[in-house]
PDB file of all heavy atoms in Angstrom:
ATOM      1  N   ASP A   1       3.581  -1.221  11.379  1.00  0.00           N
ATOM      2  CA  ASP A   1       2.584  -2.290  11.503  1.00  0.00           C
ATOM      3  C   ASP A   1       1.696  -2.356  10.266  1.00  0.00           C
ATOM      4  O   ASP A   1       1.421  -3.430   9.731  1.00  0.00           O
ATOM      5  CB  ASP A   1       1.691  -2.061  12.728  1.00  0.00           C
ATOM      6  CG  ASP A   1       2.443  -2.093  14.040  1.00  0.00           C
ATOM      7  OD1 ASP A   1       3.394  -2.880  14.179  1.00  0.00           O
ATOM      8  OD2 ASP A   1       2.071  -1.304  14.932  1.00  0.00           O
ATOM      9  N   ILE A   2       1.242  -1.193   9.831  1.00  0.00           N
ATOM     10  CA  ILE A   2       0.354  -1.131   8.667  1.00  0.00           C
ATOM     11  C   ILE A   2       1.087  -1.600   7.416  1.00  0.00           C
ATOM     12  O   ILE A   2       0.549  -2.377   6.624  1.00  0.00           O
ATOM     13  CB  ILE A   2      -0.203   0.294   8.492  1.00  0.00           C
ATOM     14  CG1 ILE A   2      -1.090   0.645   9.693  1.00  0.00           C
ATOM     15  CG2 ILE A   2      -0.979   0.432   7.187  1.00  0.00           C
ATOM     16  CD1 ILE A   2      -1.467   2.108   9.790  1.00  0.00           C
ATOM     17  N   ALA A   3       2.338  -1.176   7.248  1.00  0.00           N
ATOM     18  CA  ALA A   3       3.127  -1.585   6.082  1.00  0.00           C
ATOM     19  C   ALA A   3       3.332  -3.100   6.061  1.00  0.00           C
ATOM     20  O   ALA A   3       3.291  -3.719   4.987  1.00  0.00           O
ATOM     21  CB  ALA A   3       4.471  -0.869   6.079  1.00  0.00           C
ATOM     22  N   GLU A   4       3.529  -3.711   7.231  1.00  0.00           N
ATOM     23  CA  GLU A   4       3.692  -5.166   7.296  1.00  0.00           C
ATOM     24  C   GLU A   4       2.423  -5.883   6.854  1.00  0.00           C
ATOM     25  O   GLU A   4       2.476  -6.869   6.125  1.00  0.00           O
ATOM     26  CB  GLU A   4       4.077  -5.593   8.713  1.00  0.00           C
ATOM     27  CG  GLU A   4       5.499  -5.235   9.075  1.00  0.00           C
ATOM     28  CD  GLU A   4       5.836  -5.530  10.540  1.00  0.00           C
ATOM     29  OE1 GLU A   4       5.042  -6.221  11.220  1.00  0.00           O
ATOM     30  OE2 GLU A   4       6.888  -5.051  10.981  1.00  0.00           O
ATOM     31  N   ILE A   5       1.279  -5.386   7.289  1.00  0.00           N
ATOM     32  CA  ILE A   5       0.005  -5.990   6.893  1.00  0.00           C
ATOM     33  C   ILE A   5      -0.206  -5.821   5.390  1.00  0.00           C
ATOM     34  O   ILE A   5      -0.612  -6.768   4.702  1.00  0.00           O
ATOM     35  CB  ILE A   5      -1.160  -5.386   7.711  1.00  0.00           C
ATOM     36  CG1 ILE A   5      -1.052  -5.858   9.168  1.00  0.00           C
ATOM     37  CG2 ILE A   5      -2.517  -5.753   7.095  1.00  0.00           C
ATOM     38  CD1 ILE A   5      -1.966  -5.158  10.140  1.00  0.00           C
ATOM     39  N   GLU A   6       0.086  -4.638   4.862  1.00  0.00           N
ATOM     40  CA  GLU A   6      -0.047  -4.421   3.413  1.00  0.00           C
ATOM     41  C   GLU A   6       0.861  -5.361   2.640  1.00  0.00           C
ATOM     42  O   GLU A   6       0.462  -5.927   1.618  1.00  0.00           O
ATOM     43  CB  GLU A   6       0.276  -2.969   3.080  1.00  0.00           C
ATOM     44  CG  GLU A   6      -0.751  -1.997   3.604  1.00  0.00           C
ATOM     45  CD  GLU A   6      -0.330  -0.544   3.503  1.00  0.00           C
ATOM     46  OE1 GLU A   6       0.854  -0.262   3.240  1.00  0.00           O
ATOM     47  OE2 GLU A   6      -1.211   0.316   3.686  1.00  0.00           O
ATOM     48  N   HIS A   7       2.070  -5.571   3.141  1.00  0.00           N
ATOM     49  CA  HIS A   7       3.009  -6.478   2.480  1.00  0.00           C
ATOM     50  C   HIS A   7       2.464  -7.911   2.448  1.00  0.00           C
ATOM     51  O   HIS A   7       2.534  -8.582   1.417  1.00  0.00           O
ATOM     52  CB  HIS A   7       4.370  -6.441   3.189  1.00  0.00           C
ATOM     53  CG  HIS A   7       5.332  -7.449   2.663  1.00  0.00           C
ATOM     54  ND1 HIS A   7       5.962  -7.310   1.443  1.00  0.00           N
ATOM     55  CD2 HIS A   7       5.749  -8.630   3.160  1.00  0.00           C
ATOM     56  CE1 HIS A   7       6.730  -8.352   1.229  1.00  0.00           C
ATOM     57  NE2 HIS A   7       6.616  -9.169   2.262  1.00  0.00           N
ATOM     58  N   VAL A   8       1.912  -8.354   3.570  1.00  0.00           N
ATOM     59  CA  VAL A   8       1.343  -9.706   3.636  1.00  0.00           C
ATOM     60  C   VAL A   8       0.217  -9.853   2.615  1.00  0.00           C
ATOM     61  O   VAL A   8       0.111 -10.876   1.927  1.00  0.00           O
ATOM     62  CB  VAL A   8       0.841 -10.020   5.065  1.00  0.00           C
ATOM     63  CG1 VAL A   8      -0.023 -11.273   5.097  1.00  0.00           C
ATOM     64  CG2 VAL A   8       2.024 -10.155   6.011  1.00  0.00           C
ATOM     65  N   VAL A   9      -0.607  -8.839   2.486  1.00  0.00           N
ATOM     66  CA  VAL A   9      -1.714  -8.884   1.519  1.00  0.00           C
ATOM     67  C   VAL A   9      -1.165  -9.006   0.097  1.00  0.00           C
ATOM     68  O   VAL A   9      -1.648  -9.822  -0.696  1.00  0.00           O
ATOM     69  CB  VAL A   9      -2.625  -7.644   1.658  1.00  0.00           C
ATOM     70  CG1 VAL A   9      -3.595  -7.538   0.490  1.00  0.00           C
ATOM     71  CG2 VAL A   9      -3.371  -7.696   2.976  1.00  0.00           C
ATOM     72  N   LEU A  10      -0.146  -8.222  -0.224  1.00  0.00           N
ATOM     73  CA  LEU A  10       0.435  -8.295  -1.569  1.00  0.00           C
ATOM     74  C   LEU A  10       1.065  -9.667  -1.834  1.00  0.00           C
ATOM     75  O   LEU A  10       0.955 -10.201  -2.946  1.00  0.00           O
ATOM     76  CB  LEU A  10       1.463  -7.181  -1.763  1.00  0.00           C
ATOM     77  CG  LEU A  10       0.857  -5.782  -1.830  1.00  0.00           C
ATOM     78  CD1 LEU A  10       1.949  -4.725  -1.764  1.00  0.00           C
ATOM     79  CD2 LEU A  10       0.012  -5.613  -3.082  1.00  0.00           C
ATOM     80  N   VAL A  11       1.686 -10.252  -0.834  1.00  0.00           N
ATOM     81  CA  VAL A  11       2.251 -11.601  -0.979  1.00  0.00           C
ATOM     82  C   VAL A  11       1.126 -12.603  -1.236  1.00  0.00           C
ATOM     83  O   VAL A  11       1.244 -13.479  -2.109  1.00  0.00           O
ATOM     84  CB  VAL A  11       3.072 -11.988   0.271  1.00  0.00           C
ATOM     85  CG1 VAL A  11       3.416 -13.470   0.275  1.00  0.00           C
ATOM     86  CG2 VAL A  11       4.342 -11.144   0.355  1.00  0.00           C
ATOM     87  N   GLU A  12       0.035 -12.473  -0.493  1.00  0.00           N
ATOM     88  CA  GLU A  12      -1.101 -13.384  -0.670  1.00  0.00           C
ATOM     89  C   GLU A  12      -1.704 -13.260  -2.068  1.00  0.00           C
ATOM     90  O   GLU A  12      -2.045 -14.268  -2.695  1.00  0.00           O
ATOM     91  CB  GLU A  12      -2.167 -13.141   0.395  1.00  0.00           C
ATOM     92  CG  GLU A  12      -1.768 -13.575   1.779  1.00  0.00           C
ATOM     93  CD  GLU A  12      -1.507 -15.068   1.881  1.00  0.00           C
ATOM     94  OE1 GLU A  12      -2.294 -15.861   1.333  1.00  0.00           O
ATOM     95  OE2 GLU A  12      -0.500 -15.446   2.506  1.00  0.00           O
ATOM     96  N   VAL A  13      -1.843 -12.043  -2.566  1.00  0.00           N
ATOM     97  CA  VAL A  13      -2.371 -11.849  -3.926  1.00  0.00           C
ATOM     98  C   VAL A  13      -1.413 -12.490  -4.931  1.00  0.00           C
ATOM     99  O   VAL A  13      -1.846 -13.143  -5.884  1.00  0.00           O
ATOM    100  CB  VAL A  13      -2.589 -10.345  -4.227  1.00  0.00           C
ATOM    101  CG1 VAL A  13      -2.845 -10.119  -5.706  1.00  0.00           C
ATOM    102  CG2 VAL A  13      -3.751  -9.817  -3.408  1.00  0.00           C
ATOM    103  N   GLY A  14      -0.135 -12.342  -4.703  1.00  0.00           N
ATOM    104  CA  GLY A  14       0.855 -12.955  -5.590  1.00  0.00           C
ATOM    105  C   GLY A  14       0.787 -14.470  -5.611  1.00  0.00           C
ATOM    106  O   GLY A  14       1.162 -15.109  -6.599  1.00  0.00           O
ATOM    107  N   LYS A  15       0.281 -15.058  -4.538  1.00  0.00           N
ATOM    108  CA  LYS A  15       0.158 -16.518  -4.488  1.00  0.00           C
ATOM    109  C   LYS A  15      -0.878 -17.049  -5.478  1.00  0.00           C
ATOM    110  O   LYS A  15      -0.938 -18.248  -5.724  1.00  0.00           O
ATOM    111  CB  LYS A  15      -0.189 -16.973  -3.076  1.00  0.00           C
ATOM    112  CG  LYS A  15       0.977 -16.861  -2.117  1.00  0.00           C
ATOM    113  CD  LYS A  15       0.591 -17.363  -0.739  1.00  0.00           C
ATOM    114  CE  LYS A  15       1.756 -17.250   0.220  1.00  0.00           C
ATOM    115  NZ  LYS A  15       1.382 -17.698   1.583  1.00  0.00           N
ATOM    116  N   ALA A  16      -1.673 -16.161  -6.046  1.00  0.00           N
ATOM    117  CA  ALA A  16      -2.635 -16.588  -7.071  1.00  0.00           C
ATOM    118  C   ALA A  16      -1.917 -17.188  -8.279  1.00  0.00           C
ATOM    119  O   ALA A  16      -2.506 -17.936  -9.045  1.00  0.00           O
ATOM    120  CB  ALA A  16      -3.500 -15.411  -7.508  1.00  0.00           C
ATOM    121  N   ARG A  17      -0.631 -16.869  -8.411  1.00  0.00           N
ATOM    122  CA  ARG A  17       0.156 -17.432  -9.516  1.00  0.00           C
ATOM    123  C   ARG A  17       0.183 -18.964  -9.463  1.00  0.00           C
ATOM    124  O   ARG A  17       0.310 -19.609 -10.483  1.00  0.00           O
ATOM    125  CB  ARG A  17       1.578 -16.884  -9.482  1.00  0.00           C
ATOM    126  CG  ARG A  17       1.671 -15.445  -9.856  1.00  0.00           C
ATOM    127  CD  ARG A  17       3.104 -14.912  -9.743  1.00  0.00           C
ATOM    128  NE  ARG A  17       3.168 -13.552 -10.221  1.00  0.00           N
ATOM    129  CZ  ARG A  17       2.971 -12.483  -9.450  1.00  0.00           C
ATOM    130  NH1 ARG A  17       2.720 -12.627  -8.162  1.00  0.00           N
ATOM    131  NH2 ARG A  17       3.030 -11.271  -9.972  1.00  0.00           N
ATOM    132  N   ALA A  18       0.060 -19.517  -8.279  1.00  0.00           N
ATOM    133  CA  ALA A  18       0.073 -20.968  -8.123  1.00  0.00           C
ATOM    134  C   ALA A  18      -1.140 -21.620  -8.764  1.00  0.00           C
ATOM    135  O   ALA A  18      -1.127 -22.810  -9.064  1.00  0.00           O
ATOM    136  CB  ALA A  18       0.143 -21.332  -6.641  1.00  0.00           C
ATOM    137  N   ALA A  19      -2.192 -20.843  -9.015  1.00  0.00           N
ATOM    138  CA  ALA A  19      -3.424 -21.382  -9.595  1.00  0.00           C
ATOM    139  C   ALA A  19      -3.474 -21.219 -11.109  1.00  0.00           C
ATOM    140  O   ALA A  19      -4.506 -21.461 -11.721  1.00  0.00           O
ATOM    141  CB  ALA A  19      -4.628 -20.697  -8.959  1.00  0.00           C
ATOM    142  N   ARG A  20      -2.365 -20.838 -11.718  1.00  0.00           N
ATOM    143  CA  ARG A  20      -2.396 -20.541 -13.161  1.00  0.00           C
ATOM    144  C   ARG A  20      -2.845 -21.721 -14.015  1.00  0.00           C
ATOM    145  O   ARG A  20      -3.418 -21.536 -15.075  1.00  0.00           O
ATOM    146  CB  ARG A  20      -1.061 -19.987 -13.640  1.00  0.00           C
ATOM    147  CG  ARG A  20       0.099 -20.919 -13.562  1.00  0.00           C
ATOM    148  CD  ARG A  20       1.375 -20.352 -14.193  1.00  0.00           C
ATOM    149  NE  ARG A  20       1.558 -18.959 -13.897  1.00  0.00           N
ATOM    150  CZ  ARG A  20       2.629 -18.432 -13.323  1.00  0.00           C
ATOM    151  NH1 ARG A  20       3.627 -19.207 -13.008  1.00  0.00           N
ATOM    152  NH2 ARG A  20       2.715 -17.164 -13.090  1.00  0.00           N
ATOM    153  N   GLU A  21      -2.613 -22.955 -13.552  1.00  0.00           N
ATOM    154  CA  GLU A  21      -3.036 -24.122 -14.344  1.00  0.00           C
ATOM    155  C   GLU A  21      -4.557 -24.261 -14.406  1.00  0.00           C
ATOM    156  O   GLU A  21      -5.081 -24.938 -15.278  1.00  0.00           O
ATOM    157  CB  GLU A  21      -2.443 -25.412 -13.754  1.00  0.00           C
ATOM    158  CG  GLU A  21      -0.946 -25.482 -13.770  1.00  0.00           C
ATOM    159  CD  GLU A  21      -0.313 -24.767 -12.581  1.00  0.00           C
ATOM    160  OE1 GLU A  21      -0.930 -24.697 -11.492  1.00  0.00           O
ATOM    161  OE2 GLU A  21       0.799 -24.245 -12.750  1.00  0.00           O
ATOM    162  N   GLU A  22      -5.235 -23.622 -13.462  1.00  0.00           N
ATOM    163  CA  GLU A  22      -6.688 -23.733 -13.395  1.00  0.00           C
ATOM    164  C   GLU A  22      -7.401 -22.819 -14.389  1.00  0.00           C
ATOM    165  O   GLU A  22      -8.610 -22.911 -14.553  1.00  0.00           O
ATOM    166  CB  GLU A  22      -7.169 -23.418 -11.987  1.00  0.00           C
ATOM    167  CG  GLU A  22      -6.651 -24.398 -10.943  1.00  0.00           C
ATOM    168  CD  GLU A  22      -7.088 -24.036  -9.543  1.00  0.00           C
ATOM    169  OE1 GLU A  22      -8.127 -23.358  -9.410  1.00  0.00           O
ATOM    170  OE2 GLU A  22      -6.397 -24.430  -8.601  1.00  0.00           O
ATOM    171  N   PHE A  23      -6.657 -21.942 -15.059  1.00  0.00           N
ATOM    172  CA  PHE A  23      -7.262 -20.978 -15.967  1.00  0.00           C
ATOM    173  C   PHE A  23      -6.785 -21.217 -17.388  1.00  0.00           C
ATOM    174  O   PHE A  23      -5.622 -21.555 -17.624  1.00  0.00           O
ATOM    175  CB  PHE A  23      -6.895 -19.544 -15.535  1.00  0.00           C
ATOM    176  CG  PHE A  23      -7.430 -19.195 -14.174  1.00  0.00           C
ATOM    177  CD1 PHE A  23      -6.657 -19.394 -13.043  1.00  0.00           C
ATOM    178  CD2 PHE A  23      -8.715 -18.698 -14.028  1.00  0.00           C
ATOM    179  CE1 PHE A  23      -7.147 -19.088 -11.787  1.00  0.00           C
ATOM    180  CE2 PHE A  23      -9.211 -18.389 -12.775  1.00  0.00           C
ATOM    181  CZ  PHE A  23      -8.432 -18.593 -11.653  1.00  0.00           C
ATOM    182  N   ALA A  24      -7.691 -21.003 -18.326  1.00  0.00           N
ATOM    183  CA  ALA A  24      -7.348 -21.196 -19.734  1.00  0.00           C
ATOM    184  C   ALA A  24      -6.429 -20.091 -20.242  1.00  0.00           C
ATOM    185  O   ALA A  24      -5.561 -20.327 -21.070  1.00  0.00           O
ATOM    186  CB  ALA A  24      -8.623 -21.244 -20.578  1.00  0.00           C
ATOM    187  N   GLU A  25      -6.610 -18.875 -19.712  1.00  0.00           N
ATOM    188  CA  GLU A  25      -5.803 -17.742 -20.166  1.00  0.00           C
ATOM    189  C   GLU A  25      -4.674 -17.465 -19.173  1.00  0.00           C
ATOM    190  O   GLU A  25      -4.686 -17.938 -18.041  1.00  0.00           O
ATOM    191  CB  GLU A  25      -6.656 -16.497 -20.379  1.00  0.00           C
ATOM    192  CG  GLU A  25      -7.197 -15.871 -19.120  1.00  0.00           C
ATOM    193  CD  GLU A  25      -8.473 -16.508 -18.574  1.00  0.00           C
ATOM    194  OE1 GLU A  25      -9.082 -17.343 -19.244  1.00  0.00           O
ATOM    195  OE2 GLU A  25      -8.820 -16.181 -17.449  1.00  0.00           O
ATOM    196  N   ASP A  26      -3.722 -16.681 -19.614  1.00  0.00           N
ATOM    197  CA  ASP A  26      -2.603 -16.284 -18.774  1.00  0.00           C
ATOM    198  C   ASP A  26      -3.110 -15.308 -17.710  1.00  0.00           C
ATOM    199  O   ASP A  26      -3.692 -14.277 -18.038  1.00  0.00           O
ATOM    200  CB  ASP A  26      -1.513 -15.626 -19.625  1.00  0.00           C
ATOM    201  CG  ASP A  26      -0.299 -15.229 -18.818  1.00  0.00           C
ATOM    202  OD1 ASP A  26      -0.101 -15.790 -17.720  1.00  0.00           O
ATOM    203  OD2 ASP A  26       0.463 -14.371 -19.290  1.00  0.00           O
ATOM    204  N   ILE A  27      -2.888 -15.621 -16.450  1.00  0.00           N
ATOM    205  CA  ILE A  27      -3.382 -14.762 -15.379  1.00  0.00           C
ATOM    206  C   ILE A  27      -2.319 -13.795 -14.868  1.00  0.00           C
ATOM    207  O   ILE A  27      -2.630 -12.917 -14.059  1.00  0.00           O
ATOM    208  CB  ILE A  27      -3.955 -15.589 -14.209  1.00  0.00           C
ATOM    209  CG1 ILE A  27      -2.873 -16.465 -13.568  1.00  0.00           C
ATOM    210  CG2 ILE A  27      -5.150 -16.393 -14.654  1.00  0.00           C
ATOM    211  CD1 ILE A  27      -3.312 -17.097 -12.266  1.00  0.00           C
ATOM    212  N   GLU A  28      -1.094 -13.926 -15.311  1.00  0.00           N
ATOM    213  CA  GLU A  28      -0.012 -13.063 -14.839  1.00  0.00           C
ATOM    214  C   GLU A  28      -0.317 -11.571 -15.028  1.00  0.00           C
ATOM    215  O   GLU A  28      -0.110 -10.784 -14.096  1.00  0.00           O
ATOM    216  CB  GLU A  28       1.308 -13.432 -15.501  1.00  0.00           C
ATOM    217  CG  GLU A  28       2.496 -12.671 -14.973  1.00  0.00           C
ATOM    218  CD  GLU A  28       2.782 -12.913 -13.498  1.00  0.00           C
ATOM    219  OE1 GLU A  28       2.495 -14.012 -12.992  1.00  0.00           O
ATOM    220  OE2 GLU A  28       3.272 -11.978 -12.840  1.00  0.00           O
ATOM    221  N   PRO A  29      -0.814 -11.147 -16.198  1.00  0.00           N
ATOM    222  CA  PRO A  29      -1.134  -9.715 -16.342  1.00  0.00           C
ATOM    223  C   PRO A  29      -2.184  -9.246 -15.322  1.00  0.00           C
ATOM    224  O   PRO A  29      -2.069  -8.150 -14.778  1.00  0.00           O
ATOM    225  CB  PRO A  29      -1.656  -9.599 -17.771  1.00  0.00           C
ATOM    226  CG  PRO A  29      -1.052 -10.756 -18.495  1.00  0.00           C
ATOM    227  CD  PRO A  29      -0.981 -11.857 -17.464  1.00  0.00           C
ATOM    228  N   ALA A  30      -3.166 -10.067 -15.063  1.00  0.00           N
ATOM    229  CA  ALA A  30      -4.212  -9.699 -14.097  1.00  0.00           C
ATOM    230  C   ALA A  30      -3.624  -9.566 -12.697  1.00  0.00           C
ATOM    231  O   ALA A  30      -3.967  -8.635 -11.958  1.00  0.00           O
ATOM    232  CB  ALA A  30      -5.328 -10.741 -14.102  1.00  0.00           C
ATOM    233  N   ILE A  31      -2.719 -10.457 -12.339  1.00  0.00           N
ATOM    234  CA  ILE A  31      -2.103 -10.391 -11.013  1.00  0.00           C
ATOM    235  C   ILE A  31      -1.247  -9.144 -10.895  1.00  0.00           C
ATOM    236  O   ILE A  31      -1.293  -8.434  -9.885  1.00  0.00           O
ATOM    237  CB  ILE A  31      -1.285 -11.672 -10.733  1.00  0.00           C
ATOM    238  CG1 ILE A  31      -2.226 -12.876 -10.631  1.00  0.00           C
ATOM    239  CG2 ILE A  31      -0.466 -11.517  -9.452  1.00  0.00           C
ATOM    240  CD1 ILE A  31      -1.519 -14.207 -10.597  1.00  0.00           C
TER     241      ILE A  31
END
């Protein structure tokens, strides 16, 4: 159960890639 929740959190953090156009710099290293 805990591993599934951790996985969902990591997927959600990875979704920040969709916002890359909103930033002047490359956000991939930060993610």
